[in-house]
Amino acid sequence: MNATEAKGNLTEQKGRLKQKFAGLVNNDQLFAEGKKEEMFGKHQAGLGQTKEKLKKITASL
């Protein structure tokens, strides 16, 4: 596991935590933000790409 994959796993966990907290405080915006972070984390860990590079790829779609 390289550093980018580790950061991806951390980002994914951070996103899940945001989602759980958003459920407790009933904050839909925070939940969506957590979902987005989780998605980027999964892709970052799986592909080994940086978050910025993934954003550039998804923006070009």
PDB file of N, CA and C in Angstrom:
ATOM      1  N   MET A   1       0.847  -1.174   0.000  1.00  0.00           N
ATOM      2  CA  MET A   1       0.000   0.000   0.000  1.00  0.00           C
ATOM      3  C   MET A   1       0.896   1.241   0.000  1.00  0.00           C
ATOM      4  N   ASN A   2       0.675   2.113  -0.956  1.00  0.00           N
ATOM      5  CA  ASN A   2       1.466   3.343  -1.010  1.00  0.00           C
ATOM      6  C   ASN A   2       0.751   4.471  -0.267  1.00  0.00           C
ATOM      7  N   ALA A   3       1.381   5.621  -0.238  1.00  0.00           N
ATOM      8  CA  ALA A   3       0.851   6.759   0.526  1.00  0.00           C
ATOM      9  C   ALA A   3      -0.494   7.238  -0.020  1.00  0.00           C
ATOM     10  N   THR A   4      -0.662   7.215  -1.330  1.00  0.00           N
ATOM     11  CA  THR A   4      -1.913   7.682  -1.929  1.00  0.00           C
ATOM     12  C   THR A   4      -3.068   6.766  -1.545  1.00  0.00           C
ATOM     13  N   GLU A   5      -2.808   5.459  -1.532  1.00  0.00           N
ATOM     14  CA  GLU A   5      -3.860   4.514  -1.133  1.00  0.00           C
ATOM     15  C   GLU A   5      -4.227   4.697   0.333  1.00  0.00           C
ATOM     16  N   ALA A   6      -3.226   4.947   1.170  1.00  0.00           N
ATOM     17  CA  ALA A   6      -3.484   5.172   2.596  1.00  0.00           C
ATOM     18  C   ALA A   6      -4.313   6.436   2.805  1.00  0.00           C
ATOM     19  N   LYS A   7      -3.982   7.501   2.063  1.00  0.00           N
ATOM     20  CA  LYS A   7      -4.764   8.734   2.159  1.00  0.00           C
ATOM     21  C   LYS A   7      -6.191   8.494   1.684  1.00  0.00           C
ATOM     22  N   GLY A   8      -6.343   7.653   0.666  1.00  0.00           N
ATOM     23  CA  GLY A   8      -7.677   7.320   0.173  1.00  0.00           C
ATOM     24  C   GLY A   8      -8.501   6.605   1.226  1.00  0.00           C
ATOM     25  N   ASN A   9      -7.877   5.657   1.930  1.00  0.00           N
ATOM     26  CA  ASN A   9      -8.582   4.954   3.002  1.00  0.00           C
ATOM     27  C   ASN A   9      -8.976   5.912   4.113  1.00  0.00           C
ATOM     28  N   LEU A  10      -8.091   6.831   4.443  1.00  0.00           N
ATOM     29  CA  LEU A  10      -8.381   7.819   5.481  1.00  0.00           C
ATOM     30  C   LEU A  10      -9.513   8.745   5.051  1.00  0.00           C
ATOM     31  N   THR A  11      -9.494   9.179   3.803  1.00  0.00           N
ATOM     32  CA  THR A  11     -10.552  10.049   3.272  1.00  0.00           C
ATOM     33  C   THR A  11     -11.892   9.321   3.277  1.00  0.00           C
ATOM     34  N   GLU A  12     -11.864   8.049   2.922  1.00  0.00           N
ATOM     35  CA  GLU A  12     -13.096   7.255   2.922  1.00  0.00           C
ATOM     36  C   GLU A  12     -13.679   7.154   4.331  1.00  0.00           C
ATOM     37  N   GLN A  13     -12.849   6.887   5.310  1.00  0.00           N
ATOM     38  CA  GLN A  13     -13.310   6.786   6.696  1.00  0.00           C
ATOM     39  C   GLN A  13     -13.828   8.133   7.209  1.00  0.00           C
ATOM     40  N   LYS A  14     -13.135   9.210   6.811  1.00  0.00           N
ATOM     41  CA  LYS A  14     -13.568  10.548   7.211  1.00  0.00           C
ATOM     42  C   LYS A  14     -14.948  10.857   6.632  1.00  0.00           C
ATOM     43  N   GLY A  15     -15.182  10.446   5.397  1.00  0.00           N
ATOM     44  CA  GLY A  15     -16.483  10.646   4.768  1.00  0.00           C
ATOM     45  C   GLY A  15     -17.583   9.881   5.475  1.00  0.00           C
ATOM     46  N   ARG A  16     -17.290   8.636   5.858  1.00  0.00           N
ATOM     47  CA  ARG A  16     -18.286   7.834   6.572  1.00  0.00           C
ATOM     48  C   ARG A  16     -18.616   8.465   7.929  1.00  0.00           C
ATOM     49  N   LEU A  17     -17.592   8.965   8.602  1.00  0.00           N
ATOM     50  CA  LEU A  17     -17.801   9.602   9.897  1.00  0.00           C
ATOM     51  C   LEU A  17     -18.661  10.854   9.757  1.00  0.00           C
ATOM     52  N   LYS A  18     -18.416  11.644   8.700  1.00  0.00           N
ATOM     53  CA  LYS A  18     -19.236  12.840   8.455  1.00  0.00           C
ATOM     54  C   LYS A  18     -20.689  12.453   8.223  1.00  0.00           C
ATOM     55  N   GLN A  19     -20.911  11.368   7.502  1.00  0.00           N
ATOM     56  CA  GLN A  19     -22.274  10.925   7.228  1.00  0.00           C
ATOM     57  C   GLN A  19     -22.988  10.530   8.516  1.00  0.00           C
ATOM     58  N   LYS A  20     -22.287   9.816   9.379  1.00  0.00           N
ATOM     59  CA  LYS A  20     -22.903   9.396  10.640  1.00  0.00           C
ATOM     60  C   LYS A  20     -23.216  10.597  11.526  1.00  0.00           C
ATOM     61  N   PHE A  21     -22.296  11.546  11.578  1.00  0.00           N
ATOM     62  CA  PHE A  21     -22.526  12.746  12.376  1.00  0.00           C
ATOM     63  C   PHE A  21     -23.685  13.553  11.794  1.00  0.00           C
ATOM     64  N   ALA A  22     -23.751  13.639  10.471  1.00  0.00           N
ATOM     65  CA  ALA A  22     -24.830  14.382   9.820  1.00  0.00           C
ATOM     66  C   ALA A  22     -26.175  13.753  10.134  1.00  0.00           C
ATOM     67  N   GLY A  23     -26.228  12.437  10.257  1.00  0.00           N
ATOM     68  CA  GLY A  23     -27.462  11.762  10.620  1.00  0.00           C
ATOM     69  C   GLY A  23     -27.897  12.104  12.034  1.00  0.00           C
ATOM     70  N   LEU A  24     -26.932  12.288  12.914  1.00  0.00           N
ATOM     71  CA  LEU A  24     -27.258  12.628  14.297  1.00  0.00           C
ATOM     72  C   LEU A  24     -27.807  14.042  14.437  1.00  0.00           C
ATOM     73  N   VAL A  25     -27.258  14.967  13.651  1.00  0.00           N
ATOM     74  CA  VAL A  25     -27.664  16.368  13.784  1.00  0.00           C
ATOM     75  C   VAL A  25     -28.641  16.806  12.691  1.00  0.00           C
ATOM     76  N   ASN A  26     -29.082  15.857  11.859  1.00  0.00           N
ATOM     77  CA  ASN A  26     -30.027  16.142  10.775  1.00  0.00           C
ATOM     78  C   ASN A  26     -29.521  17.229   9.825  1.00  0.00           C
ATOM     79  N   ASN A  27     -28.328  17.068   9.311  1.00  0.00           N
ATOM     80  CA  ASN A  27     -27.742  18.040   8.395  1.00  0.00           C
ATOM     81  C   ASN A  27     -27.528  17.371   7.045  1.00  0.00           C
ATOM     82  N   ASP A  28     -28.409  17.662   6.088  1.00  0.00           N
ATOM     83  CA  ASP A  28     -28.344  17.033   4.772  1.00  0.00           C
ATOM     84  C   ASP A  28     -27.107  17.451   3.987  1.00  0.00           C
ATOM     85  N   GLN A  29     -26.708  18.703   4.129  1.00  0.00           N
ATOM     86  CA  GLN A  29     -25.537  19.191   3.398  1.00  0.00           C
ATOM     87  C   GLN A  29     -24.275  18.473   3.860  1.00  0.00           C
ATOM     88  N   LEU A  30     -24.127  18.276   5.150  1.00  0.00           N
ATOM     89  CA  LEU A  30     -22.974  17.573   5.695  1.00  0.00           C
ATOM     90  C   LEU A  30     -22.987  16.111   5.263  1.00  0.00           C
ATOM     91  N   PHE A  31     -24.169  15.520   5.176  1.00  0.00           N
ATOM     92  CA  PHE A  31     -24.283  14.134   4.721  1.00  0.00           C
ATOM     93  C   PHE A  31     -23.806  14.003   3.277  1.00  0.00           C
ATOM     94  N   ALA A  32     -24.231  14.921   2.419  1.00  0.00           N
ATOM     95  CA  ALA A  32     -23.816  14.888   1.014  1.00  0.00           C
ATOM     96  C   ALA A  32     -22.312  15.094   0.885  1.00  0.00           C
ATOM     97  N   GLU A  33     -21.779  15.976   1.700  1.00  0.00           N
ATOM     98  CA  GLU A  33     -20.335  16.221   1.700  1.00  0.00           C
ATOM     99  C   GLU A  33     -19.575  14.948   2.107  1.00  0.00           C
ATOM    100  N   GLY A  34     -20.087  14.255   3.100  1.00  0.00           N
ATOM    101  CA  GLY A  34     -19.475  13.007   3.550  1.00  0.00           C
ATOM    102  C   GLY A  34     -19.547  11.930   2.489  1.00  0.00           C
ATOM    103  N   LYS A  35     -20.669  11.859   1.794  1.00  0.00           N
ATOM    104  CA  LYS A  35     -20.842  10.880   0.715  1.00  0.00           C
ATOM    105  C   LYS A  35     -19.823  11.125  -0.399  1.00  0.00           C
ATOM    106  N   LYS A  36     -19.631  12.409  -0.723  1.00  0.00           N
ATOM    107  CA  LYS A  36     -18.675  12.781  -1.767  1.00  0.00           C
ATOM    108  C   LYS A  36     -17.250  12.406  -1.344  1.00  0.00           C
ATOM    109  N   GLU A  37     -16.897  12.689  -0.094  1.00  0.00           N
ATOM    110  CA  GLU A  37     -15.571  12.339   0.405  1.00  0.00           C
ATOM    111  C   GLU A  37     -15.352  10.835   0.406  1.00  0.00           C
ATOM    112  N   GLU A  38     -16.387  10.092   0.786  1.00  0.00           N
ATOM    113  CA  GLU A  38     -16.269   8.640   0.796  1.00  0.00           C
ATOM    114  C   GLU A  38     -16.014   8.119  -0.621  1.00  0.00           C
ATOM    115  N   MET A  39     -16.742   8.660  -1.602  1.00  0.00           N
ATOM    116  CA  MET A  39     -16.571   8.235  -2.984  1.00  0.00           C
ATOM    117  C   MET A  39     -15.155   8.528  -3.482  1.00  0.00           C
ATOM    118  N   PHE A  40     -14.654   9.745  -3.211  1.00  0.00           N
ATOM    119  CA  PHE A  40     -13.304  10.090  -3.634  1.00  0.00           C
ATOM    120  C   PHE A  40     -12.277   9.206  -2.930  1.00  0.00           C
ATOM    121  N   GLY A  41     -12.519   8.897  -1.665  1.00  0.00           N
ATOM    122  CA  GLY A  41     -11.607   8.035  -0.920  1.00  0.00           C
ATOM    123  C   GLY A  41     -11.532   6.636  -1.493  1.00  0.00           C
ATOM    124  N   LYS A  42     -12.679   6.084  -1.857  1.00  0.00           N
ATOM    125  CA  LYS A  42     -12.706   4.745  -2.460  1.00  0.00           C
ATOM    126  C   LYS A  42     -11.936   4.733  -3.771  1.00  0.00           C
ATOM    127  N   HIS A  43     -12.170   5.738  -4.602  1.00  0.00           N
ATOM    128  CA  HIS A  43     -11.486   5.798  -5.893  1.00  0.00           C
ATOM    129  C   HIS A  43      -9.993   6.056  -5.713  1.00  0.00           C
ATOM    130  N   GLN A  44      -9.656   6.896  -4.757  1.00  0.00           N
ATOM    131  CA  GLN A  44      -8.257   7.216  -4.508  1.00  0.00           C
ATOM    132  C   GLN A  44      -7.512   5.969  -4.038  1.00  0.00           C
ATOM    133  N   ALA A  45      -8.117   5.200  -3.170  1.00  0.00           N
ATOM    134  CA  ALA A  45      -7.472   3.987  -2.665  1.00  0.00           C
ATOM    135  C   ALA A  45      -7.386   2.925  -3.756  1.00  0.00           C
ATOM    136  N   GLY A  46      -8.431   2.813  -4.555  1.00  0.00           N
ATOM    137  CA  GLY A  46      -8.455   1.786  -5.600  1.00  0.00           C
ATOM    138  C   GLY A  46      -7.560   2.084  -6.779  1.00  0.00           C
ATOM    139  N   LEU A  47      -7.536   3.346  -7.198  1.00  0.00           N
ATOM    140  CA  LEU A  47      -6.779   3.715  -8.386  1.00  0.00           C
ATOM    141  C   LEU A  47      -5.390   4.248  -8.079  1.00  0.00           C
ATOM    142  N   GLY A  48      -5.177   4.678  -6.844  1.00  0.00           N
ATOM    143  CA  GLY A  48      -3.871   5.227  -6.478  1.00  0.00           C
ATOM    144  C   GLY A  48      -3.632   6.615  -7.041  1.00  0.00           C
ATOM    145  N   GLN A  49      -4.707   7.342  -7.366  1.00  0.00           N
ATOM    146  CA  GLN A  49      -4.596   8.697  -7.909  1.00  0.00           C
ATOM    147  C   GLN A  49      -4.854   9.706  -6.797  1.00  0.00           C
ATOM    148  N   THR A  50      -4.327  10.908  -6.945  1.00  0.00           N
ATOM    149  CA  THR A  50      -4.563  11.951  -5.959  1.00  0.00           C
ATOM    150  C   THR A  50      -5.988  12.481  -6.091  1.00  0.00           C
ATOM    151  N   LYS A  51      -6.471  13.124  -5.045  1.00  0.00           N
ATOM    152  CA  LYS A  51      -7.834  13.656  -5.030  1.00  0.00           C
ATOM    153  C   LYS A  51      -8.015  14.714  -6.119  1.00  0.00           C
ATOM    154  N   GLU A  52      -7.002  15.548  -6.300  1.00  0.00           N
ATOM    155  CA  GLU A  52      -7.085  16.602  -7.314  1.00  0.00           C
ATOM    156  C   GLU A  52      -7.161  16.007  -8.716  1.00  0.00           C
ATOM    157  N   LYS A  53      -6.383  14.958  -8.958  1.00  0.00           N
ATOM    158  CA  LYS A  53      -6.393  14.315 -10.271  1.00  0.00           C
ATOM    159  C   LYS A  53      -7.746  13.657 -10.535  1.00  0.00           C
ATOM    160  N   LEU A  54      -8.325  13.057  -9.506  1.00  0.00           N
ATOM    161  CA  LEU A  54      -9.649  12.446  -9.655  1.00  0.00           C
ATOM    162  C   LEU A  54     -10.712  13.499  -9.934  1.00  0.00           C
ATOM    163  N   LYS A  55     -10.624  14.655  -9.276  1.00  0.00           N
ATOM    164  CA  LYS A  55     -11.576  15.739  -9.528  1.00  0.00           C
ATOM    165  C   LYS A  55     -11.464  16.225 -10.962  1.00  0.00           C
ATOM    166  N   LYS A  56     -10.231  16.301 -11.467  1.00  0.00           N
ATOM    167  CA  LYS A  56     -10.020  16.738 -12.850  1.00  0.00           C
ATOM    168  C   LYS A  56     -10.622  15.724 -13.824  1.00  0.00           C
ATOM    169  N   ILE A  57     -10.454  14.442 -13.533  1.00  0.00           N
ATOM    170  CA  ILE A  57     -11.002  13.386 -14.403  1.00  0.00           C
ATOM    171  C   ILE A  57     -12.526  13.440 -14.408  1.00  0.00           C
ATOM    172  N   THR A  58     -13.151  13.568 -13.227  1.00  0.00           N
ATOM    173  CA  THR A  58     -14.610  13.599 -13.173  1.00  0.00           C
ATOM    174  C   THR A  58     -15.177  14.871 -13.771  1.00  0.00           C
ATOM    175  N   ALA A  59     -14.449  15.968 -13.680  1.00  0.00           N
ATOM    176  CA  ALA A  59     -14.918  17.223 -14.261  1.00  0.00           C
ATOM    177  C   ALA A  59     -14.921  17.152 -15.788  1.00  0.00           C
ATOM    178  N   SER A  60     -14.011  16.372 -16.360  1.00  0.00           N
ATOM    179  CA  SER A  60     -13.925  16.276 -17.813  1.00  0.00           C
ATOM    180  C   SER A  60     -15.003  15.373 -18.396  1.00  0.00           C
ATOM    181  N   LEU A  61     -15.721  14.628 -17.528  1.00  0.00           N
ATOM    182  CA  LEU A  61     -16.774  13.734 -18.030  1.00  0.00           C
ATOM    183  C   LEU A  61     -17.963  14.500 -18.361  1.00  0.00           C
TER     184      LEU A  61
END
